[in-house]
Amino acid sequence: MKSVIIAEDNKSVRESYKLWIEGGGITIDEVENGSALVEKVKENDYSLILTDNNMPGGINGLKAIAEIRKFNKNIPIYLLCSVDEGEAAYLRKNLEKYGINEFIDKGDDNFSSKLVKIINKHLK
């Protein structure tokens, strides 16, 4: 069975992601910060990680990804966050450095279609 974990502090954003994912027997877990993300990934075998970067309590998304890559180099990890143009360019340039499969800016006009493609690629 395919499974995904969503790390996002905003409940309404998590709920919108779940609407795009639900169906087909996919298991969905949710956490609100990077520390909880690392712990859940240590305990479970996920097909996909969707994470925000700026989350309160514990560590941010980038630090969580770095921790996860120490023990799991293969799981697809997508960073979904709102950033300015400079930060977006930096993240895209440093995907490999951080162990991110892809970064998608939540402010991108094509955000939802890009997210659906990711979901279809890894979960359907």
PDB file of N, CA and C in Angstrom:
ATOM      1  N   MET A   1       0.833  -1.175   0.000  1.00  0.00           N
ATOM      2  CA  MET A   1       0.000   0.000   0.000  1.00  0.00           C
ATOM      3  C   MET A   1       0.886   1.249   0.000  1.00  0.00           C
ATOM      4  N   LYS A   2       0.502   2.217  -0.776  1.00  0.00           N
ATOM      5  CA  LYS A   2       1.248   3.482  -0.865  1.00  0.00           C
ATOM      6  C   LYS A   2       0.879   4.375   0.314  1.00  0.00           C
ATOM      7  N   SER A   3       1.848   5.173   0.742  1.00  0.00           N
ATOM      8  CA  SER A   3       1.593   6.083   1.855  1.00  0.00           C
ATOM      9  C   SER A   3       2.377   7.376   1.672  1.00  0.00           C
ATOM     10  N   VAL A   4       1.831   8.438   2.240  1.00  0.00           N
ATOM     11  CA  VAL A   4       2.441   9.761   2.161  1.00  0.00           C
ATOM     12  C   VAL A   4       2.393  10.392   3.540  1.00  0.00           C
ATOM     13  N   ILE A   5       3.390  11.212   3.839  1.00  0.00           N
ATOM     14  CA  ILE A   5       3.353  12.025   5.046  1.00  0.00           C
ATOM     15  C   ILE A   5       3.423  13.483   4.630  1.00  0.00           C
ATOM     16  N   ILE A   6       2.566  14.273   5.254  1.00  0.00           N
ATOM     17  CA  ILE A   6       2.493  15.710   4.989  1.00  0.00           C
ATOM     18  C   ILE A   6       2.971  16.436   6.238  1.00  0.00           C
ATOM     19  N   ALA A   7       4.023  17.237   6.098  1.00  0.00           N
ATOM     20  CA  ALA A   7       4.521  18.066   7.195  1.00  0.00           C
ATOM     21  C   ALA A   7       4.181  19.514   6.878  1.00  0.00           C
ATOM     22  N   GLU A   8       3.218  20.032   7.602  1.00  0.00           N
ATOM     23  CA  GLU A   8       2.696  21.379   7.335  1.00  0.00           C
ATOM     24  C   GLU A   8       2.026  21.875   8.605  1.00  0.00           C
ATOM     25  N   ASP A   9       2.382  23.079   9.064  1.00  0.00           N
ATOM     26  CA  ASP A   9       1.805  23.595  10.303  1.00  0.00           C
ATOM     27  C   ASP A   9       0.402  24.157  10.119  1.00  0.00           C
ATOM     28  N   ASN A  10       0.021  24.493   8.905  1.00  0.00           N
ATOM     29  CA  ASN A  10      -1.291  25.072   8.638  1.00  0.00           C
ATOM     30  C   ASN A  10      -2.289  23.954   8.317  1.00  0.00           C
ATOM     31  N   LYS A  11      -3.247  23.766   9.215  1.00  0.00           N
ATOM     32  CA  LYS A  11      -4.208  22.664   9.061  1.00  0.00           C
ATOM     33  C   LYS A  11      -5.006  22.767   7.761  1.00  0.00           C
ATOM     34  N   SER A  12      -5.428  23.954   7.369  1.00  0.00           N
ATOM     35  CA  SER A  12      -6.224  24.093   6.147  1.00  0.00           C
ATOM     36  C   SER A  12      -5.412  23.710   4.905  1.00  0.00           C
ATOM     37  N   VAL A  13      -4.118  24.002   4.921  1.00  0.00           N
ATOM     38  CA  VAL A  13      -3.256  23.598   3.805  1.00  0.00           C
ATOM     39  C   VAL A  13      -3.128  22.078   3.771  1.00  0.00           C
ATOM     40  N   ARG A  14      -2.929  21.455   4.947  1.00  0.00           N
ATOM     41  CA  ARG A  14      -2.866  19.989   5.012  1.00  0.00           C
ATOM     42  C   ARG A  14      -4.151  19.375   4.478  1.00  0.00           C
ATOM     43  N   GLU A  15      -5.275  19.949   4.854  1.00  0.00           N
ATOM     44  CA  GLU A  15      -6.567  19.423   4.401  1.00  0.00           C
ATOM     45  C   GLU A  15      -6.705  19.528   2.881  1.00  0.00           C
ATOM     46  N   SER A  16      -6.229  20.617   2.291  1.00  0.00           N
ATOM     47  CA  SER A  16      -6.319  20.757   0.833  1.00  0.00           C
ATOM     48  C   SER A  16      -5.434  19.729   0.134  1.00  0.00           C
ATOM     49  N   TYR A  17      -4.235  19.474   0.673  1.00  0.00           N
ATOM     50  CA  TYR A  17      -3.376  18.445   0.095  1.00  0.00           C
ATOM     51  C   TYR A  17      -4.062  17.093   0.166  1.00  0.00           C
ATOM     52  N   LYS A  18      -4.692  16.806   1.297  1.00  0.00           N
ATOM     53  CA  LYS A  18      -5.365  15.516   1.474  1.00  0.00           C
ATOM     54  C   LYS A  18      -6.482  15.320   0.448  1.00  0.00           C
ATOM     55  N   LEU A  19      -7.174  16.386   0.098  1.00  0.00           N
ATOM     56  CA  LEU A  19      -8.236  16.287  -0.905  1.00  0.00           C
ATOM     57  C   LEU A  19      -7.691  15.822  -2.255  1.00  0.00           C
ATOM     58  N   TRP A  20      -6.489  16.274  -2.599  1.00  0.00           N
ATOM     59  CA  TRP A  20      -5.875  15.872  -3.871  1.00  0.00           C
ATOM     60  C   TRP A  20      -5.347  14.439  -3.819  1.00  0.00           C
ATOM     61  N   ILE A  21      -5.035  13.965  -2.627  1.00  0.00           N
ATOM     62  CA  ILE A  21      -4.408  12.655  -2.472  1.00  0.00           C
ATOM     63  C   ILE A  21      -5.413  11.531  -2.248  1.00  0.00           C
ATOM     64  N   GLU A  22      -6.458  11.796  -1.488  1.00  0.00           N
ATOM     65  CA  GLU A  22      -7.364  10.745  -1.024  1.00  0.00           C
ATOM     66  C   GLU A  22      -7.863   9.844  -2.139  1.00  0.00           C
ATOM     67  N   GLY A  23      -8.053   8.576  -1.765  1.00  0.00           N
ATOM     68  CA  GLY A  23      -8.577   7.587  -2.697  1.00  0.00           C
ATOM     69  C   GLY A  23      -7.535   6.547  -3.035  1.00  0.00           C
ATOM     70  N   GLY A  24      -7.988   5.436  -3.538  1.00  0.00           N
ATOM     71  CA  GLY A  24      -7.071   4.400  -3.983  1.00  0.00           C
ATOM     72  C   GLY A  24      -6.313   3.709  -2.871  1.00  0.00           C
ATOM     73  N   GLY A  25      -6.824   3.763  -1.637  1.00  0.00           N
ATOM     74  CA  GLY A  25      -6.186   3.071  -0.532  1.00  0.00           C
ATOM     75  C   GLY A  25      -4.876   3.674  -0.070  1.00  0.00           C
ATOM     76  N   ILE A  26      -4.650   4.949  -0.342  1.00  0.00           N
ATOM     77  CA  ILE A  26      -3.413   5.622   0.066  1.00  0.00           C
ATOM     78  C   ILE A  26      -3.519   6.038   1.536  1.00  0.00           C
ATOM     79  N   THR A  27      -2.525   5.683   2.313  1.00  0.00           N
ATOM     80  CA  THR A  27      -2.470   6.084   3.721  1.00  0.00           C
ATOM     81  C   THR A  27      -1.838   7.465   3.809  1.00  0.00           C
ATOM     82  N   ILE A  28      -2.479   8.351   4.575  1.00  0.00           N
ATOM     83  CA  ILE A  28      -1.990   9.722   4.731  1.00  0.00           C
ATOM     84  C   ILE A  28      -1.720   9.989   6.205  1.00  0.00           C
ATOM     85  N   ASP A  29      -0.477  10.340   6.530  1.00  0.00           N
ATOM     86  CA  ASP A  29      -0.125  10.779   7.873  1.00  0.00           C
ATOM     87  C   ASP A  29       0.184  12.262   7.825  1.00  0.00           C
ATOM     88  N   GLU A  30      -0.023  12.937   8.957  1.00  0.00           N
ATOM     89  CA  GLU A  30       0.207  14.374   9.038  1.00  0.00           C
ATOM     90  C   GLU A  30       1.022  14.712  10.280  1.00  0.00           C
ATOM     91  N   VAL A  31       1.908  15.668  10.148  1.00  0.00           N
ATOM     92  CA  VAL A  31       2.636  16.238  11.287  1.00  0.00           C
ATOM     93  C   VAL A  31       2.701  17.744  11.101  1.00  0.00           C
ATOM     94  N   GLU A  32       3.001  18.448  12.208  1.00  0.00           N
ATOM     95  CA  GLU A  32       3.002  19.909  12.173  1.00  0.00           C
ATOM     96  C   GLU A  32       4.383  20.539  12.224  1.00  0.00           C
ATOM     97  N   ASN A  33       5.447  19.714  12.346  1.00  0.00           N
ATOM     98  CA  ASN A  33       6.789  20.300  12.393  1.00  0.00           C
ATOM     99  C   ASN A  33       7.832  19.293  11.929  1.00  0.00           C
ATOM    100  N   GLY A  34       9.037  19.788  11.721  1.00  0.00           N
ATOM    101  CA  GLY A  34      10.120  18.967  11.191  1.00  0.00           C
ATOM    102  C   GLY A  34      10.582  17.870  12.118  1.00  0.00           C
ATOM    103  N   SER A  35      10.578  18.130  13.423  1.00  0.00           N
ATOM    104  CA  SER A  35      10.996  17.104  14.380  1.00  0.00           C
ATOM    105  C   SER A  35      10.069  15.897  14.329  1.00  0.00           C
ATOM    106  N   ALA A  36       8.768  16.155  14.301  1.00  0.00           N
ATOM    107  CA  ALA A  36       7.788  15.074  14.216  1.00  0.00           C
ATOM    108  C   ALA A  36       7.916  14.339  12.885  1.00  0.00           C
ATOM    109  N   LEU A  37       8.241  15.062  11.821  1.00  0.00           N
ATOM    110  CA  LEU A  37       8.434  14.438  10.510  1.00  0.00           C
ATOM    111  C   LEU A  37       9.562  13.414  10.561  1.00  0.00           C
ATOM    112  N   VAL A  38      10.692  13.800  11.102  1.00  0.00           N
ATOM    113  CA  VAL A  38      11.838  12.891  11.186  1.00  0.00           C
ATOM    114  C   VAL A  38      11.460  11.637  11.971  1.00  0.00           C
ATOM    115  N   GLU A  39      10.798  11.804  13.097  1.00  0.00           N
ATOM    116  CA  GLU A  39      10.421  10.656  13.922  1.00  0.00           C
ATOM    117  C   GLU A  39       9.463   9.719  13.195  1.00  0.00           C
ATOM    118  N   LYS A  40       8.464  10.263  12.518  1.00  0.00           N
ATOM    119  CA  LYS A  40       7.495   9.430  11.789  1.00  0.00           C
ATOM    120  C   LYS A  40       8.165   8.684  10.640  1.00  0.00           C
ATOM    121  N   VAL A  41       9.098   9.334   9.947  1.00  0.00           N
ATOM    122  CA  VAL A  41       9.779   8.683   8.823  1.00  0.00           C
ATOM    123  C   VAL A  41      10.688   7.564   9.338  1.00  0.00           C
ATOM    124  N   LYS A  42      11.253   7.727  10.523  1.00  0.00           N
ATOM    125  CA  LYS A  42      12.053   6.653  11.117  1.00  0.00           C
ATOM    126  C   LYS A  42      11.191   5.432  11.426  1.00  0.00           C
ATOM    127  N   GLU A  43       9.936   5.676  11.782  1.00  0.00           N
ATOM    128  CA  GLU A  43       9.025   4.607  12.223  1.00  0.00           C
ATOM    129  C   GLU A  43       8.223   3.964  11.095  1.00  0.00           C
ATOM    130  N   ASN A  44       8.138   4.600   9.939  1.00  0.00           N
ATOM    131  CA  ASN A  44       7.246   4.146   8.867  1.00  0.00           C
ATOM    132  C   ASN A  44       7.956   4.136   7.523  1.00  0.00           C
ATOM    133  N   ASP A  45       7.401   3.377   6.605  1.00  0.00           N
ATOM    134  CA  ASP A  45       7.943   3.277   5.252  1.00  0.00           C
ATOM    135  C   ASP A  45       7.012   4.034   4.300  1.00  0.00           C
ATOM    136  N   TYR A  46       7.328   5.302   4.044  1.00  0.00           N
ATOM    137  CA  TYR A  46       6.480   6.148   3.198  1.00  0.00           C
ATOM    138  C   TYR A  46       6.901   6.074   1.737  1.00  0.00           C
ATOM    139  N   SER A  47       5.919   6.302   0.862  1.00  0.00           N
ATOM    140  CA  SER A  47       6.164   6.371  -0.574  1.00  0.00           C
ATOM    141  C   SER A  47       6.541   7.788  -1.003  1.00  0.00           C
ATOM    142  N   LEU A  48       6.177   8.784  -0.172  1.00  0.00           N
ATOM    143  CA  LEU A  48       6.346  10.183  -0.545  1.00  0.00           C
ATOM    144  C   LEU A  48       6.302  11.066   0.698  1.00  0.00           C
ATOM    145  N   ILE A  49       7.142  12.111   0.696  1.00  0.00           N
ATOM    146  CA  ILE A  49       7.100  13.138   1.731  1.00  0.00           C
ATOM    147  C   ILE A  49       6.807  14.476   1.069  1.00  0.00           C
ATOM    148  N   LEU A  50       5.803  15.188   1.603  1.00  0.00           N
ATOM    149  CA  LEU A  50       5.500  16.558   1.202  1.00  0.00           C
ATOM    150  C   LEU A  50       5.720  17.417   2.439  1.00  0.00           C
ATOM    151  N   THR A  51       6.632  18.372   2.357  1.00  0.00           N
ATOM    152  CA  THR A  51       6.934  19.172   3.549  1.00  0.00           C
ATOM    153  C   THR A  51       7.039  20.662   3.259  1.00  0.00           C
ATOM    154  N   ASP A  52       6.555  21.417   4.204  1.00  0.00           N
ATOM    155  CA  ASP A  52       6.754  22.862   4.242  1.00  0.00           C
ATOM    156  C   ASP A  52       8.156  23.094   4.803  1.00  0.00           C
ATOM    157  N   ASN A  53       8.648  24.312   4.743  1.00  0.00           N
ATOM    158  CA  ASN A  53       9.932  24.605   5.370  1.00  0.00           C
ATOM    159  C   ASN A  53       9.748  25.315   6.702  1.00  0.00           C
ATOM    160  N   ASN A  54       8.960  26.367   6.706  1.00  0.00           N
ATOM    161  CA  ASN A  54       8.799  27.189   7.908  1.00  0.00           C
ATOM    162  C   ASN A  54       7.674  26.652   8.777  1.00  0.00           C
ATOM    163  N   MET A  55       8.065  25.887   9.807  1.00  0.00           N
ATOM    164  CA  MET A  55       7.099  25.311  10.732  1.00  0.00           C
ATOM    165  C   MET A  55       7.595  25.567  12.150  1.00  0.00           C
ATOM    166  N   PRO A  56       6.685  25.904  13.058  1.00  0.00           N
ATOM    167  CA  PRO A  56       7.090  26.169  14.442  1.00  0.00           C
ATOM    168  C   PRO A  56       7.390  24.880  15.200  1.00  0.00           C
ATOM    169  N   GLY A  57       8.101  25.026  16.291  1.00  0.00           N
ATOM    170  CA  GLY A  57       8.338  23.888  17.176  1.00  0.00           C
ATOM    171  C   GLY A  57       9.293  22.885  16.578  1.00  0.00           C
ATOM    172  N   GLY A  58      10.479  22.831  17.068  1.00  0.00           N
ATOM    173  CA  GLY A  58      11.438  21.864  16.535  1.00  0.00           C
ATOM    174  C   GLY A  58      12.237  22.437  15.392  1.00  0.00           C
ATOM    175  N   ILE A  59      12.480  21.597  14.399  1.00  0.00           N
ATOM    176  CA  ILE A  59      13.336  21.989  13.284  1.00  0.00           C
ATOM    177  C   ILE A  59      12.513  22.293  12.046  1.00  0.00           C
ATOM    178  N   ASN A  60      13.089  23.073  11.124  1.00  0.00           N
ATOM    179  CA  ASN A  60      12.367  23.418   9.899  1.00  0.00           C
ATOM    180  C   ASN A  60      12.458  22.276   8.877  1.00  0.00           C
ATOM    181  N   GLY A  61      11.807  22.470   7.743  1.00  0.00           N
ATOM    182  CA  GLY A  61      11.767  21.440   6.714  1.00  0.00           C
ATOM    183  C   GLY A  61      13.127  21.057   6.161  1.00  0.00           C
ATOM    184  N   LEU A  62      13.978  22.035   5.887  1.00  0.00           N
ATOM    185  CA  LEU A  62      15.301  21.727   5.333  1.00  0.00           C
ATOM    186  C   LEU A  62      16.143  20.903   6.299  1.00  0.00           C
ATOM    187  N   LYS A  63      16.099  21.263   7.578  1.00  0.00           N
ATOM    188  CA  LYS A  63      16.850  20.499   8.568  1.00  0.00           C
ATOM    189  C   LYS A  63      16.272  19.092   8.722  1.00  0.00           C
ATOM    190  N   ALA A  64      14.950  18.976   8.651  1.00  0.00           N
ATOM    191  CA  ALA A  64      14.309  17.660   8.731  1.00  0.00           C
ATOM    192  C   ALA A  64      14.726  16.794   7.545  1.00  0.00           C
ATOM    193  N   ILE A  65      14.759  17.392   6.358  1.00  0.00           N
ATOM    194  CA  ILE A  65      15.173  16.649   5.159  1.00  0.00           C
ATOM    195  C   ILE A  65      16.615  16.168   5.319  1.00  0.00           C
ATOM    196  N   ALA A  66      17.492  17.030   5.822  1.00  0.00           N
ATOM    197  CA  ALA A  66      18.891  16.631   6.032  1.00  0.00           C
ATOM    198  C   ALA A  66      18.982  15.451   6.986  1.00  0.00           C
ATOM    199  N   GLU A  67      18.188  15.468   8.044  1.00  0.00           N
ATOM    200  CA  GLU A  67      18.177  14.351   8.999  1.00  0.00           C
ATOM    201  C   GLU A  67      17.657  13.073   8.350  1.00  0.00           C
ATOM    202  N   ILE A  68      16.585  13.190   7.587  1.00  0.00           N
ATOM    203  CA  ILE A  68      15.992  12.026   6.913  1.00  0.00           C
ATOM    204  C   ILE A  68      16.978  11.427   5.924  1.00  0.00           C
ATOM    205  N   ARG A  69      17.700  12.255   5.205  1.00  0.00           N
ATOM    206  CA  ARG A  69      18.653  11.755   4.203  1.00  0.00           C
ATOM    207  C   ARG A  69      19.806  10.986   4.842  1.00  0.00           C
ATOM    208  N   LYS A  70      20.036  11.171   6.131  1.00  0.00           N
ATOM    209  CA  LYS A  70      21.075  10.398   6.815  1.00  0.00           C
ATOM    210  C   LYS A  70      20.714   8.922   6.912  1.00  0.00           C
ATOM    211  N   PHE A  71      19.406   8.620   6.954  1.00  0.00           N
ATOM    212  CA  PHE A  71      18.983   7.222   7.085  1.00  0.00           C
ATOM    213  C   PHE A  71      18.092   6.735   5.944  1.00  0.00           C
ATOM    214  N   ASN A  72      17.668   7.618   5.066  1.00  0.00           N
ATOM    215  CA  ASN A  72      16.851   7.213   3.921  1.00  0.00           C
ATOM    216  C   ASN A  72      17.190   8.111   2.733  1.00  0.00           C
ATOM    217  N   LYS A  73      17.975   7.574   1.823  1.00  0.00           N
ATOM    218  CA  LYS A  73      18.427   8.360   0.662  1.00  0.00           C
ATOM    219  C   LYS A  73      17.453   8.282  -0.513  1.00  0.00           C
ATOM    220  N   ASN A  74      16.490   7.357  -0.454  1.00  0.00           N
ATOM    221  CA  ASN A  74      15.679   7.074  -1.634  1.00  0.00           C
ATOM    222  C   ASN A  74      14.270   7.639  -1.643  1.00  0.00           C
ATOM    223  N   ILE A  75      13.683   7.915  -0.504  1.00  0.00           N
ATOM    224  CA  ILE A  75      12.306   8.379  -0.476  1.00  0.00           C
ATOM    225  C   ILE A  75      12.178   9.734  -1.183  1.00  0.00           C
ATOM    226  N   PRO A  76      11.192   9.884  -2.063  1.00  0.00           N
ATOM    227  CA  PRO A  76      10.985  11.179  -2.724  1.00  0.00           C
ATOM    228  C   PRO A  76      10.518  12.231  -1.710  1.00  0.00           C
ATOM    229  N   ILE A  77      11.204  13.373  -1.694  1.00  0.00           N
ATOM    230  CA  ILE A  77      10.865  14.468  -0.791  1.00  0.00           C
ATOM    231  C   ILE A  77      10.662  15.736  -1.616  1.00  0.00           C
ATOM    232  N   TYR A  78       9.490  16.342  -1.429  1.00  0.00           N
ATOM    233  CA  TYR A  78       9.148  17.571  -2.130  1.00  0.00           C
ATOM    234  C   TYR A  78       8.925  18.684  -1.117  1.00  0.00           C
ATOM    235  N   LEU A  79       9.624  19.795  -1.315  1.00  0.00           N
ATOM    236  CA  LEU A  79       9.515  20.961  -0.447  1.00  0.00           C
ATOM    237  C   LEU A  79       8.474  21.895  -1.054  1.00  0.00           C
ATOM    238  N   LEU A  80       7.415  22.163  -0.303  1.00  0.00           N
ATOM    239  CA  LEU A  80       6.318  23.017  -0.758  1.00  0.00           C
ATOM    240  C   LEU A  80       6.234  24.196   0.202  1.00  0.00           C
ATOM    241  N   CYS A  81       6.655  25.379  -0.243  1.00  0.00           N
ATOM    242  CA  CYS A  81       6.629  26.531   0.660  1.00  0.00           C
ATOM    243  C   CYS A  81       6.550  27.835  -0.127  1.00  0.00           C
ATOM    244  N   SER A  82       6.192  28.896   0.591  1.00  0.00           N
ATOM    245  CA  SER A  82       6.117  30.232   0.007  1.00  0.00           C
ATOM    246  C   SER A  82       7.417  30.971   0.303  1.00  0.00           C
ATOM    247  N   VAL A  83       8.063  31.422  -0.740  1.00  0.00           N
ATOM    248  CA  VAL A  83       9.327  32.145  -0.595  1.00  0.00           C
ATOM    249  C   VAL A  83       9.398  33.270  -1.622  1.00  0.00           C
ATOM    250  N   ASP A  84      10.327  34.198  -1.407  1.00  0.00           N
ATOM    251  CA  ASP A  84      10.513  35.248  -2.402  1.00  0.00           C
ATOM    252  C   ASP A  84      11.362  34.702  -3.557  1.00  0.00           C
ATOM    253  N   GLU A  85      11.520  35.496  -4.606  1.00  0.00           N
ATOM    254  CA  GLU A  85      12.229  35.034  -5.809  1.00  0.00           C
ATOM    255  C   GLU A  85      13.664  34.605  -5.529  1.00  0.00           C
ATOM    256  N   GLY A  86      14.352  35.347  -4.671  1.00  0.00           N
ATOM    257  CA  GLY A  86      15.735  35.009  -4.340  1.00  0.00           C
ATOM    258  C   GLY A  86      15.843  33.664  -3.638  1.00  0.00           C
ATOM    259  N   GLU A  87      14.963  33.427  -2.658  1.00  0.00           N
ATOM    260  CA  GLU A  87      14.964  32.145  -1.945  1.00  0.00           C
ATOM    261  C   GLU A  87      14.587  31.001  -2.879  1.00  0.00           C
ATOM    262  N   ALA A  88      13.630  31.254  -3.759  1.00  0.00           N
ATOM    263  CA  ALA A  88      13.209  30.220  -4.716  1.00  0.00           C
ATOM    264  C   ALA A  88      14.369  29.827  -5.622  1.00  0.00           C
ATOM    265  N   ALA A  89      15.096  30.817  -6.117  1.00  0.00           N
ATOM    266  CA  ALA A  89      16.245  30.536  -6.979  1.00  0.00           C
ATOM    267  C   ALA A  89      17.307  29.749  -6.213  1.00  0.00           C
ATOM    268  N   TYR A  90      17.554  30.139  -4.961  1.00  0.00           N
ATOM    269  CA  TYR A  90      18.533  29.442  -4.129  1.00  0.00           C
ATOM    270  C   TYR A  90      18.127  27.988  -3.925  1.00  0.00           C
ATOM    271  N   LEU A  91      16.864  27.747  -3.587  1.00  0.00           N
ATOM    272  CA  LEU A  91      16.402  26.377  -3.354  1.00  0.00           C
ATOM    273  C   LEU A  91      16.520  25.528  -4.618  1.00  0.00           C
ATOM    274  N   ARG A  92      16.103  26.086  -5.749  1.00  0.00           N
ATOM    275  CA  ARG A  92      16.188  25.318  -7.001  1.00  0.00           C
ATOM    276  C   ARG A  92      17.634  24.976  -7.352  1.00  0.00           C
ATOM    277  N   LYS A  93      18.542  25.893  -7.062  1.00  0.00           N
ATOM    278  CA  LYS A  93      19.960  25.687  -7.354  1.00  0.00           C
ATOM    279  C   LYS A  93      20.572  24.629  -6.426  1.00  0.00           C
ATOM    280  N   ASN A  94      20.025  24.486  -5.233  1.00  0.00           N
ATOM    281  CA  ASN A  94      20.617  23.617  -4.210  1.00  0.00           C
ATOM    282  C   ASN A  94      19.778  22.386  -3.868  1.00  0.00           C
ATOM    283  N   LEU A  95      18.934  21.949  -4.781  1.00  0.00           N
ATOM    284  CA  LEU A  95      18.093  20.774  -4.523  1.00  0.00           C
ATOM    285  C   LEU A  95      18.913  19.570  -4.074  1.00  0.00           C
ATOM    286  N   GLU A  96      19.948  19.265  -4.830  1.00  0.00           N
ATOM    287  CA  GLU A  96      20.769  18.087  -4.536  1.00  0.00           C
ATOM    288  C   GLU A  96      21.468  18.233  -3.184  1.00  0.00           C
ATOM    289  N   LYS A  97      21.970  19.426  -2.907  1.00  0.00           N
ATOM    290  CA  LYS A  97      22.662  19.686  -1.638  1.00  0.00           C
ATOM    291  C   LYS A  97      21.762  19.354  -0.451  1.00  0.00           C
ATOM    292  N   TYR A  98      20.497  19.706  -0.550  1.00  0.00           N
ATOM    293  CA  TYR A  98      19.559  19.482   0.554  1.00  0.00           C
ATOM    294  C   TYR A  98      18.847  18.132   0.480  1.00  0.00           C
ATOM    295  N   GLY A  99      19.000  17.410  -0.613  1.00  0.00           N
ATOM    296  CA  GLY A  99      18.325  16.122  -0.740  1.00  0.00           C
ATOM    297  C   GLY A  99      16.866  16.242  -1.115  1.00  0.00           C
ATOM    298  N   ILE A 100      16.516  17.330  -1.773  1.00  0.00           N
ATOM    299  CA  ILE A 100      15.135  17.592  -2.182  1.00  0.00           C
ATOM    300  C   ILE A 100      14.956  17.122  -3.623  1.00  0.00           C
ATOM    301  N   ASN A 101      13.880  16.387  -3.874  1.00  0.00           N
ATOM    302  CA  ASN A 101      13.600  15.984  -5.252  1.00  0.00           C
ATOM    303  C   ASN A 101      13.145  17.170  -6.084  1.00  0.00           C
ATOM    304  N   GLU A 102      12.297  18.011  -5.480  1.00  0.00           N
ATOM    305  CA  GLU A 102      11.819  19.196  -6.186  1.00  0.00           C
ATOM    306  C   GLU A 102      11.275  20.193  -5.176  1.00  0.00           C
ATOM    307  N   PHE A 103      11.412  21.464  -5.506  1.00  0.00           N
ATOM    308  CA  PHE A 103      10.828  22.540  -4.719  1.00  0.00           C
ATOM    309  C   PHE A 103       9.705  23.159  -5.537  1.00  0.00           C
ATOM    310  N   ILE A 104       8.557  23.376  -4.893  1.00  0.00           N
ATOM    311  CA  ILE A 104       7.453  24.065  -5.556  1.00  0.00           C
ATOM    312  C   ILE A 104       6.998  25.203  -4.655  1.00  0.00           C
ATOM    313  N   ASP A 105       7.004  26.403  -5.202  1.00  0.00           N
ATOM    314  CA  ASP A 105       6.563  27.587  -4.476  1.00  0.00           C
ATOM    315  C   ASP A 105       5.034  27.581  -4.396  1.00  0.00           C
ATOM    316  N   LYS A 106       4.501  27.702  -3.184  1.00  0.00           N
ATOM    317  CA  LYS A 106       3.048  27.716  -3.003  1.00  0.00           C
ATOM    318  C   LYS A 106       2.402  28.883  -3.751  1.00  0.00           C
ATOM    319  N   GLY A 107       3.155  29.923  -4.040  1.00  0.00           N
ATOM    320  CA  GLY A 107       2.637  31.072  -4.770  1.00  0.00           C
ATOM    321  C   GLY A 107       2.646  30.896  -6.287  1.00  0.00           C
ATOM    322  N   ASP A 108       3.207  29.807  -6.774  1.00  0.00           N
ATOM    323  CA  ASP A 108       3.268  29.518  -8.212  1.00  0.00           C
ATOM    324  C   ASP A 108       1.853  29.349  -8.765  1.00  0.00           C
ATOM    325  N   ASP A 109       1.568  30.003  -9.882  1.00  0.00           N
ATOM    326  CA  ASP A 109       0.240  29.895 -10.502  1.00  0.00           C
ATOM    327  C   ASP A 109      -0.119  28.459 -10.848  1.00  0.00           C
ATOM    328  N   ASN A 110       0.873  27.630 -11.088  1.00  0.00           N
ATOM    329  CA  ASN A 110       0.637  26.228 -11.454  1.00  0.00           C
ATOM    330  C   ASN A 110       0.862  25.270 -10.292  1.00  0.00           C
ATOM    331  N   PHE A 111       0.834  25.792  -9.054  1.00  0.00           N
ATOM    332  CA  PHE A 111       1.125  24.963  -7.889  1.00  0.00           C
ATOM    333  C   PHE A 111       0.256  23.714  -7.828  1.00  0.00           C
ATOM    334  N   SER A 112      -1.051  23.874  -7.940  1.00  0.00           N
ATOM    335  CA  SER A 112      -1.937  22.709  -7.782  1.00  0.00           C
ATOM    336  C   SER A 112      -1.717  21.673  -8.870  1.00  0.00           C
ATOM    337  N   SER A 113      -1.497  22.097 -10.106  1.00  0.00           N
ATOM    338  CA  SER A 113      -1.259  21.113 -11.167  1.00  0.00           C
ATOM    339  C   SER A 113       0.078  20.406 -10.978  1.00  0.00           C
ATOM    340  N   LYS A 114       1.097  21.126 -10.486  1.00  0.00           N
ATOM    341  CA  LYS A 114       2.391  20.502 -10.205  1.00  0.00           C
ATOM    342  C   LYS A 114       2.263  19.488  -9.069  1.00  0.00           C
ATOM    343  N   LEU A 115       1.501  19.841  -8.046  1.00  0.00           N
ATOM    344  CA  LEU A 115       1.310  18.928  -6.921  1.00  0.00           C
ATOM    345  C   LEU A 115       0.558  17.675  -7.361  1.00  0.00           C
ATOM    346  N   VAL A 116      -0.450  17.828  -8.173  1.00  0.00           N
ATOM    347  CA  VAL A 116      -1.199  16.670  -8.675  1.00  0.00           C
ATOM    348  C   VAL A 116      -0.287  15.752  -9.487  1.00  0.00           C
ATOM    349  N   LYS A 117       0.612  16.314 -10.291  1.00  0.00           N
ATOM    350  CA  LYS A 117       1.564  15.496 -11.053  1.00  0.00           C
ATOM    351  C   LYS A 117       2.463  14.682 -10.126  1.00  0.00           C
ATOM    352  N   ILE A 118       2.932  15.302  -9.047  1.00  0.00           N
ATOM    353  CA  ILE A 118       3.769  14.607  -8.063  1.00  0.00           C
ATOM    354  C   ILE A 118       2.987  13.459  -7.440  1.00  0.00           C
ATOM    355  N   ILE A 119       1.769  13.746  -7.040  1.00  0.00           N
ATOM    356  CA  ILE A 119       0.913  12.724  -6.419  1.00  0.00           C
ATOM    357  C   ILE A 119       0.693  11.569  -7.384  1.00  0.00           C
ATOM    358  N   ASN A 120       0.363  11.879  -8.611  1.00  0.00           N
ATOM    359  CA  ASN A 120       0.134  10.820  -9.605  1.00  0.00           C
ATOM    360  C   ASN A 120       1.399  10.010  -9.873  1.00  0.00           C
ATOM    361  N   LYS A 121       2.531  10.663  -9.903  1.00  0.00           N
ATOM    362  CA  LYS A 121       3.796   9.988 -10.169  1.00  0.00           C
ATOM    363  C   LYS A 121       4.160   9.001  -9.079  1.00  0.00           C
ATOM    364  N   HIS A 122       3.960   9.374  -7.839  1.00  0.00           N
ATOM    365  CA  HIS A 122       4.451   8.562  -6.719  1.00  0.00           C
ATOM    366  C   HIS A 122       3.397   7.727  -6.010  1.00  0.00           C
ATOM    367  N   LEU A 123       2.114   8.091  -6.164  1.00  0.00           N
ATOM    368  CA  LEU A 123       1.089   7.424  -5.361  1.00  0.00           C
ATOM    369  C   LEU A 123       0.028   6.688  -6.161  1.00  0.00           C
ATOM    370  N   LYS A 124      -0.100   6.961  -7.423  1.00  0.00           N
ATOM    371  CA  LYS A 124      -1.195   6.328  -8.207  1.00  0.00           C
ATOM    372  C   LYS A 124      -0.706   5.127  -8.968  1.00  0.00           C
TER     373      LYS A 124
END
